[in-house]
Structures are given as structure tokens and as C-alpha cells.
Amino acid sequence: MEPLRFDGRVAIVTGAGRGIGRAHALLLAERGARVVVNDLGSATSGDGSDAAPAERVAASISAAGGDAVADGSDVASADGAAQLVGRALDSYGRVDILVNNAGIFTPAEFPALELSDLRRYFDVHVGGSFNVAREAWPHLVRAGYGRIVMTTSHGILGSAPLIAYGTAKGGVFALARALAVTGKDQGILVNSVAPVAATRLAGGDDDGTSGNGVLDGATPALVSPLVALLSHESCPVNGETFLSGGRRHARLYVGETEGYVHPGTDVTPEVVAGHWAQIMDESAHYVPVDTTTWLEGNAARIAATPAVTTA
């Protein structure tokens, strides 16, 4: 097939000063996109700021013949998101692609984890993704075109050290699903990627050379091809989530079993227990595309089993 190009497109990549975000920005620029390289330059905890990481990536893109500008706005704030999108519009006059990649991570076990820590994760991961998408949205709607890629995580599957991180990434997953439904009739496609790479947030370094164990060979650059596809005008999906890392790409989805519909209203714990195998049987599972479709399907399944009045 012909190489996927982004000539004429403008991309915003958050958290692009290091690691995975840097790899995304470099690949999009290499393929012709004009890139706004956003990074607060904070520590992995989210503390502090440093303009240098974003500036280095933008300079690297320019030195290679690409077109990029650096931005140090804090996407966790609505004002920061407005400044970021404004920078894209001032520099390039448009926004076509948004890759929400900015994030933080500090290990914390439950129950020592504080509520304030959880809120900080939500501010950056969910709030940051929400803020920039909200700020860019009117411009995408006016253009009748947009591609948004959210960064979720395999942490949503459950991990003791990732309680705050995984919980916030679950919020990002749900946000992406809702925005995909909201934008589908306006030319805006929204998908998510759960990356695996040996970055500093994962205890490695920014180019993945120090990765070991399950992160061995999982360089950030191996995640970016999938992100580029989802950012392209030929993106084949909407509202989907993918696992990507170490040369492997896979679809991650929420499925539902056919379940059991009781014929009467005399449902008891014993009735549920008695049909447990049927409730858990995955052989006839399906994947709901959105909440409305699920509700309609749920109602149809109940209606298909005639109700029996019990005395």
C-alpha cells in the first residue's frame, strides 16, 4: 500500500517531550504533519516544569526538515488547554489531529494511597484529555474532520500498584468511547491506545534501551505506527481500544455474554446461582458499540423471553 502521509495536517501531541509522546510526534512529523509538541516538562509525579523537553523535540523535528513548535502549557488546567490549542491555531491556522498522551505516575499501594493522589491522576489523565479535546472540538466540528487518539492503559485490567493510574486510565477509556459516539456524525473519529513501553514512567528511560523483563525490547517507537494509523484520514475504526507494545498490536474490547433471562419476577439469589454457568458462558458473547445500542439489545433480550406471572 501507499505510505500514509499527513501533508497539510496539523497535529497536537501532549506529553511529547519524552518517551512515547516524543515518538508519536517524530513519526507524524516525518510523515508530513506539522506538529505542536506539548510537554509541561514535569517530574513523573507531575511536579515542576521545564520547557526544555518540548523545545528539544521541536528542534529535532525542524533539524530533520519538518515543521514543529514547542508548547509548555499544563493541559490539566482549562486555561492551559486553551493556550495549547491557541498555539496550534496561531502557528498553523487549524487543528486536525489530537494525540492525548500526557500523564504522570508514582507507585502507591492501597490503602496508603491518598484521595488527593487519586484526584491528581484524574486531573492530568482524564482532565487533561477532556480539556484539550473540549478546546479543539469546535474547530474539528467546523472542519467536519478530526482524529483523536487517547492514551489509556492495560492498568484498567487491575493491578495493585496501579490503582490510581489504572482508575484514571479507565476514565480516559470511557471518555474516548463517549466522544466517539458524539463525533461520529461530524467526521471526528476517536480511539484509544494502551501502550507498553520502557519509558521513565515505567522505570526505564525515554528511548526504551533500559527495558527488561516484560518491557525488554518495548521501545516507544513501536507504539507510534498504530497511533499514526488511528490519526490518519484512512483510520478504519471509531470508539475502539488497542493494546500496543513490543511489536504486538491487539484489540481490547468490552464484551457481554448472552446471559440468562428469568421468565418470571420471582428472581432470588438461588435463581441467579442456579443459572451461573449460563451467565458466565462466553461462547455467544457480543461487543456493544455504545450505550444506546446496549440498552436496546438488553430490552430486546428480555422481551424475547415471555414473562410468566407468578402467584
Protein backbone atom coordinates (compact mmCIF):
# COMPACT_ATOMS: atom_id res chain seq x y z
CA MET A 1 0.00 0.00 0.00
CA GLU A 2 1.00 3.63 -0.40
CA PRO A 3 2.77 5.19 2.62
CA LEU A 4 0.39 7.00 4.96
CA ARG A 5 1.12 10.71 4.75
CA PHE A 6 -0.05 13.69 6.82
CA ASP A 7 0.86 16.51 4.47
CA GLY A 8 -1.28 19.57 5.23
CA ARG A 9 -2.43 18.18 8.57
CA VAL A 10 -1.75 19.76 11.96
CA ALA A 11 -1.27 17.53 14.98
CA ILE A 12 -1.17 18.32 18.67
CA VAL A 13 0.67 15.73 20.75
CA THR A 14 0.61 16.18 24.52
CA GLY A 15 3.34 14.78 26.72
CA ALA A 16 5.55 14.79 23.63
CA GLY A 17 8.80 15.93 25.22
CA ARG A 18 9.89 12.41 26.11
CA GLY A 19 9.11 8.74 25.67
CA ILE A 20 6.02 7.60 23.81
CA GLY A 21 4.72 11.09 23.06
CA ARG A 22 8.07 12.07 21.59
CA ALA A 23 7.99 9.01 19.32
CA HIS A 24 4.46 9.93 18.17
CA ALA A 25 5.49 13.50 17.37
CA LEU A 26 8.60 12.41 15.46
CA LEU A 27 6.71 9.88 13.32
CA LEU A 28 3.83 12.24 12.49
CA ALA A 29 6.31 14.97 11.54
CA GLU A 30 8.36 12.53 9.46
CA ARG A 31 5.18 11.70 7.56
CA GLY A 32 4.46 15.36 6.79
CA ALA A 33 2.35 16.63 9.68
CA ARG A 34 3.01 19.99 11.28
CA VAL A 35 3.26 19.21 14.98
CA VAL A 36 2.65 21.14 18.17
CA VAL A 37 4.91 19.43 20.69
CA ASN A 38 3.29 19.92 24.09
CA ASP A 39 5.01 19.00 27.34
CA LEU A 40 4.92 20.64 30.74
CA GLY A 41 8.33 19.12 31.44
CA SER A 42 7.36 17.95 34.90
CA ALA A 43 8.70 15.12 37.02
CA THR A 44 6.93 11.76 36.75
CA SER A 45 4.83 12.86 39.74
CA GLY A 46 3.60 15.90 37.83
CA ASP A 47 5.57 18.34 39.96
CA GLY A 48 7.60 21.17 38.45
CA SER A 49 8.00 22.29 34.87
CA ASP A 50 10.74 22.56 32.27
CA ALA A 51 10.41 23.96 28.76
CA ALA A 52 13.49 22.11 27.50
CA PRO A 53 11.99 18.67 26.63
CA ALA A 54 9.35 20.07 24.28
CA GLU A 55 11.82 22.52 22.77
CA ARG A 56 14.35 19.75 22.09
CA VAL A 57 11.80 17.62 20.26
CA ALA A 58 10.55 20.55 18.19
CA ALA A 59 14.14 21.47 17.33
CA SER A 60 14.86 17.87 16.35
CA ILE A 61 11.88 17.84 14.00
CA SER A 62 12.92 21.14 12.45
CA ALA A 63 16.52 19.95 12.02
CA ALA A 64 15.20 16.92 10.11
CA GLY A 65 13.30 19.17 7.71
CA GLY A 66 9.93 19.01 9.46
CA ASP A 67 7.73 21.71 10.94
CA ALA A 68 7.06 21.88 14.67
CA VAL A 69 6.57 24.30 17.52
CA ALA A 70 7.05 23.66 21.23
CA ASP A 71 4.42 24.35 23.85
CA GLY A 72 4.78 24.10 27.63
CA SER A 73 1.14 24.51 28.66
CA ASP A 74 -0.31 22.48 31.52
CA VAL A 75 -3.19 20.51 29.99
CA ALA A 76 -4.54 19.66 33.45
CA SER A 77 -5.98 23.18 33.51
CA ALA A 78 -8.63 24.56 31.16
CA ASP A 79 -6.50 27.68 30.62
CA GLY A 80 -3.50 25.54 29.69
CA ALA A 81 -5.56 23.59 27.15
CA ALA A 82 -6.83 26.84 25.65
CA GLN A 83 -3.27 28.13 25.36
CA LEU A 84 -2.18 24.90 23.66
CA VAL A 85 -4.93 24.88 21.06
CA GLY A 86 -4.43 28.61 20.58
CA ARG A 87 -0.76 27.94 19.87
CA ALA A 88 -1.72 25.48 17.14
CA LEU A 89 -4.16 27.93 15.57
CA ASP A 90 -1.73 30.86 15.78
CA SER A 91 1.09 28.81 14.27
CA TYR A 92 -0.75 26.78 11.66
CA GLY A 93 -4.33 28.04 11.44
CA ARG A 94 -6.01 24.71 12.11
CA VAL A 95 -6.12 21.50 14.14
CA ASP A 96 -6.72 18.10 12.56
CA ILE A 97 -5.22 15.58 14.96
CA LEU A 98 -5.05 15.38 18.74
CA VAL A 99 -2.99 12.74 20.49
CA ASN A 100 -3.68 12.94 24.23
CA ASN A 101 -0.61 11.31 25.72
CA ALA A 102 0.37 13.43 28.74
CA GLY A 103 0.43 11.53 32.01
CA ILE A 104 2.02 11.04 35.42
CA PHE A 105 2.89 8.02 37.53
CA THR A 106 4.20 7.42 41.03
CA PRO A 107 3.82 4.00 42.69
CA ALA A 108 1.40 3.94 45.62
CA GLU A 109 -0.19 0.92 47.24
CA PHE A 110 -3.73 0.75 48.61
CA PRO A 111 -4.82 1.76 51.24
CA ALA A 112 -1.84 4.06 51.76
CA LEU A 113 -2.89 5.82 48.55
CA GLU A 114 -4.42 9.19 49.38
CA LEU A 115 -7.59 10.60 47.83
CA SER A 116 -5.59 13.67 46.83
CA ASP A 117 -3.26 11.40 44.83
CA LEU A 118 -6.20 9.86 43.01
CA ARG A 119 -7.56 13.31 42.21
CA ARG A 120 -4.19 14.36 40.79
CA TYR A 121 -4.22 11.39 38.41
CA PHE A 122 -7.71 12.33 37.28
CA ASP A 123 -6.70 15.97 36.82
CA VAL A 124 -3.88 15.01 34.46
CA HIS A 125 -5.12 11.92 32.65
CA VAL A 126 -8.88 12.44 32.45
CA GLY A 127 -8.97 16.20 32.95
CA GLY A 128 -6.07 16.81 30.56
CA SER A 129 -7.62 14.65 27.84
CA PHE A 130 -11.02 16.28 28.40
CA ASN A 131 -9.67 19.83 28.45
CA VAL A 132 -7.72 19.64 25.19
CA ALA A 133 -10.43 17.67 23.37
CA ARG A 134 -13.05 20.18 24.52
CA GLU A 135 -10.94 23.11 23.38
CA ALA A 136 -10.18 21.57 19.98
CA TRP A 137 -13.68 20.19 19.38
CA PRO A 138 -15.39 23.29 17.90
CA HIS A 139 -12.58 23.63 15.36
CA LEU A 140 -12.87 19.96 14.36
CA VAL A 141 -16.66 20.28 14.04
CA ARG A 142 -16.35 23.34 11.81
CA ALA A 143 -13.89 21.50 9.60
CA GLY A 144 -16.07 18.38 9.55
CA TYR A 145 -12.96 16.35 10.26
CA GLY A 146 -10.84 15.23 13.18
CA ARG A 147 -8.84 12.38 14.60
CA ILE A 148 -8.36 11.99 18.35
CA VAL A 149 -6.23 9.28 19.94
CA MET A 150 -6.47 8.84 23.71
CA THR A 151 -3.86 7.08 25.80
CA THR A 152 -5.40 4.54 28.15
CA SER A 153 -3.57 1.61 29.81
CA HIS A 154 -3.58 -2.11 30.48
CA GLY A 155 -3.78 -0.85 34.08
CA ILE A 156 -7.57 -0.77 33.63
CA LEU A 157 -7.46 -4.58 33.84
CA GLY A 158 -6.45 -4.36 37.51
CA SER A 159 -3.10 -4.07 39.27
CA ALA A 160 -2.32 -3.37 42.91
CA PRO A 161 0.48 -0.84 42.20
CA LEU A 162 -1.64 0.86 39.53
CA ILE A 163 -4.83 1.56 41.44
CA ALA A 164 -4.81 5.34 40.94
CA TYR A 165 -3.21 5.18 37.50
CA GLY A 166 -5.47 2.40 36.24
CA THR A 167 -8.59 4.03 37.65
CA ALA A 168 -7.78 7.29 35.87
CA LYS A 169 -6.99 5.44 32.65
CA GLY A 170 -10.38 3.74 32.95
CA GLY A 171 -11.85 7.22 32.90
CA VAL A 172 -9.91 8.00 29.74
CA PHE A 173 -11.23 4.80 28.16
CA ALA A 174 -14.82 5.81 28.94
CA LEU A 175 -14.24 9.40 27.79
CA ALA A 176 -12.94 8.18 24.44
CA ARG A 177 -15.95 5.91 23.97
CA ALA A 178 -18.35 8.78 24.69
CA LEU A 179 -16.53 11.22 22.39
CA ALA A 180 -16.50 8.61 19.62
CA VAL A 181 -20.29 8.46 19.75
CA THR A 182 -20.54 12.25 19.97
CA GLY A 183 -18.29 12.90 16.98
CA LYS A 184 -19.13 10.07 14.59
CA ASP A 185 -21.65 12.10 12.56
CA GLN A 186 -19.31 15.10 12.37
CA GLY A 187 -16.30 13.44 10.81
CA ILE A 188 -14.46 13.07 14.12
CA LEU A 189 -13.09 9.64 14.96
CA VAL A 190 -11.90 8.90 18.49
CA ASN A 191 -9.94 5.80 19.51
CA SER A 192 -7.63 4.73 22.33
CA VAL A 193 -4.28 3.03 22.65
CA ALA A 194 -2.96 1.24 25.74
CA PRO A 195 0.82 1.32 25.21
CA VAL A 196 3.56 -0.83 26.66
CA ALA A 197 7.00 0.78 26.51
CA ALA A 198 10.12 1.15 28.65
CA THR A 199 9.76 4.85 29.38
CA ARG A 200 10.73 6.72 32.54
CA LEU A 201 7.14 6.32 33.84
CA ALA A 202 7.63 2.55 33.60
CA GLY A 203 11.02 2.63 35.30
CA GLY A 204 13.06 2.70 32.10
CA ASP A 205 14.46 5.57 30.10
CA ASP A 206 12.99 7.60 27.28
CA ASP A 207 14.29 5.51 24.38
CA GLY A 208 13.49 2.14 25.92
CA THR A 209 17.04 0.85 25.95
CA SER A 210 16.92 0.01 29.66
CA GLY A 211 13.75 -2.05 29.48
CA ASN A 212 13.92 -5.54 30.95
CA GLY A 213 11.58 -8.40 31.76
CA VAL A 214 8.17 -7.78 30.17
CA LEU A 215 9.46 -4.45 28.82
CA ASP A 216 12.51 -5.94 27.08
CA GLY A 217 12.59 -4.55 23.54
CA ALA A 218 9.46 -2.46 24.09
CA THR A 219 10.70 0.84 22.70
CA PRO A 220 8.32 3.81 22.47
CA ALA A 221 8.75 3.91 18.67
CA LEU A 222 7.00 0.54 18.37
CA VAL A 223 3.74 2.07 19.67
CA SER A 224 3.67 5.01 17.27
CA PRO A 225 2.77 3.23 13.99
CA LEU A 226 -0.63 2.24 15.38
CA VAL A 227 -1.19 5.75 16.72
CA ALA A 228 -0.29 7.14 13.29
CA LEU A 229 -2.85 4.86 11.60
CA LEU A 230 -5.56 5.95 14.04
CA SER A 231 -4.57 9.59 13.37
CA HIS A 232 -4.80 9.22 9.59
CA GLU A 233 -7.71 10.12 7.35
CA SER A 234 -7.93 6.43 6.40
CA CYS A 235 -8.47 5.35 10.04
CA PRO A 236 -10.75 2.31 9.76
CA VAL A 237 -12.40 2.39 13.21
CA ASN A 238 -14.14 4.58 15.77
CA GLY A 239 -14.56 4.05 19.50
CA GLU A 240 -12.05 1.20 19.65
CA THR A 241 -9.19 0.49 22.04
CA PHE A 242 -5.94 -1.26 21.19
CA LEU A 243 -3.02 -2.70 23.13
CA SER A 244 0.30 -1.85 21.53
CA GLY A 245 3.89 -2.53 22.51
CA GLY A 246 6.93 -4.63 21.81
CA ARG A 247 5.87 -5.41 18.21
CA ARG A 248 2.40 -6.67 19.24
CA HIS A 249 -0.90 -4.97 18.46
CA ALA A 250 -4.27 -6.25 19.62
CA ARG A 251 -7.84 -5.09 20.06
CA LEU A 252 -9.08 -4.64 23.63
CA TYR A 253 -12.84 -4.59 23.98
CA VAL A 254 -15.74 -4.80 26.41
CA GLY A 255 -17.84 -7.85 25.68
CA GLU A 256 -21.08 -9.20 27.11
CA THR A 257 -22.33 -12.76 27.45
CA GLU A 258 -25.78 -13.72 26.25
CA GLY A 259 -26.71 -14.19 29.87
CA TYR A 260 -29.90 -15.54 31.37
CA VAL A 261 -33.39 -14.03 31.38
CA HIS A 262 -35.71 -15.39 34.05
CA PRO A 263 -39.27 -15.95 32.85
CA GLY A 264 -40.86 -14.52 35.97
CA THR A 265 -40.42 -11.79 38.55
CA ASP A 266 -39.63 -14.30 41.29
CA VAL A 267 -35.88 -13.76 40.97
CA THR A 268 -33.97 -14.91 44.04
CA PRO A 269 -30.27 -15.32 44.82
CA GLU A 270 -30.81 -19.04 44.32
CA VAL A 271 -32.24 -18.48 40.84
CA VAL A 272 -29.15 -16.43 39.91
CA ALA A 273 -26.82 -19.07 41.37
CA GLY A 274 -28.68 -21.83 39.57
CA HIS A 275 -28.03 -20.24 36.20
CA TRP A 276 -24.48 -19.10 36.93
CA ALA A 277 -22.90 -21.18 34.16
CA GLN A 278 -25.22 -19.61 31.60
CA ILE A 279 -24.50 -16.12 32.93
CA MET A 280 -20.76 -16.72 32.66
CA ASP A 281 -20.79 -18.57 29.30
CA GLU A 282 -18.65 -16.59 26.82
CA SER A 283 -19.40 -18.76 23.79
CA ALA A 284 -22.08 -16.41 22.48
CA HIS A 285 -20.59 -13.12 23.60
CA TYR A 286 -21.03 -9.90 21.67
CA VAL A 287 -19.49 -6.44 21.74
CA PRO A 288 -21.89 -3.49 22.32
CA VAL A 289 -20.96 -0.49 20.19
CA ASP A 290 -22.43 2.13 22.52
CA THR A 291 -24.76 2.60 25.48
CA THR A 292 -27.92 3.15 23.43
CA THR A 293 -27.32 0.02 21.39
CA TRP A 294 -26.70 -1.95 24.57
CA LEU A 295 -29.92 -0.69 26.18
CA GLU A 296 -31.94 -1.59 23.08
CA GLY A 297 -30.34 -5.03 22.91
CA ASN A 298 -30.91 -5.63 26.61
CA ALA A 299 -34.59 -4.72 26.29
CA ALA A 300 -34.96 -6.95 23.22
CA ARG A 301 -33.47 -9.94 25.03
CA ILE A 302 -35.83 -9.50 27.95
CA ALA A 303 -38.80 -9.09 25.61
CA ALA A 304 -37.83 -12.26 23.73
CA THR A 305 -38.46 -14.29 26.89
CA PRO A 306 -42.19 -14.20 27.61
CA ALA A 307 -42.91 -13.08 31.12
CA VAL A 308 -44.70 -15.57 33.32
CA THR A 309 -46.83 -14.16 36.09
CA THR A 310 -46.06 -15.81 39.38
CA ALA A 311 -48.51 -16.18 42.20
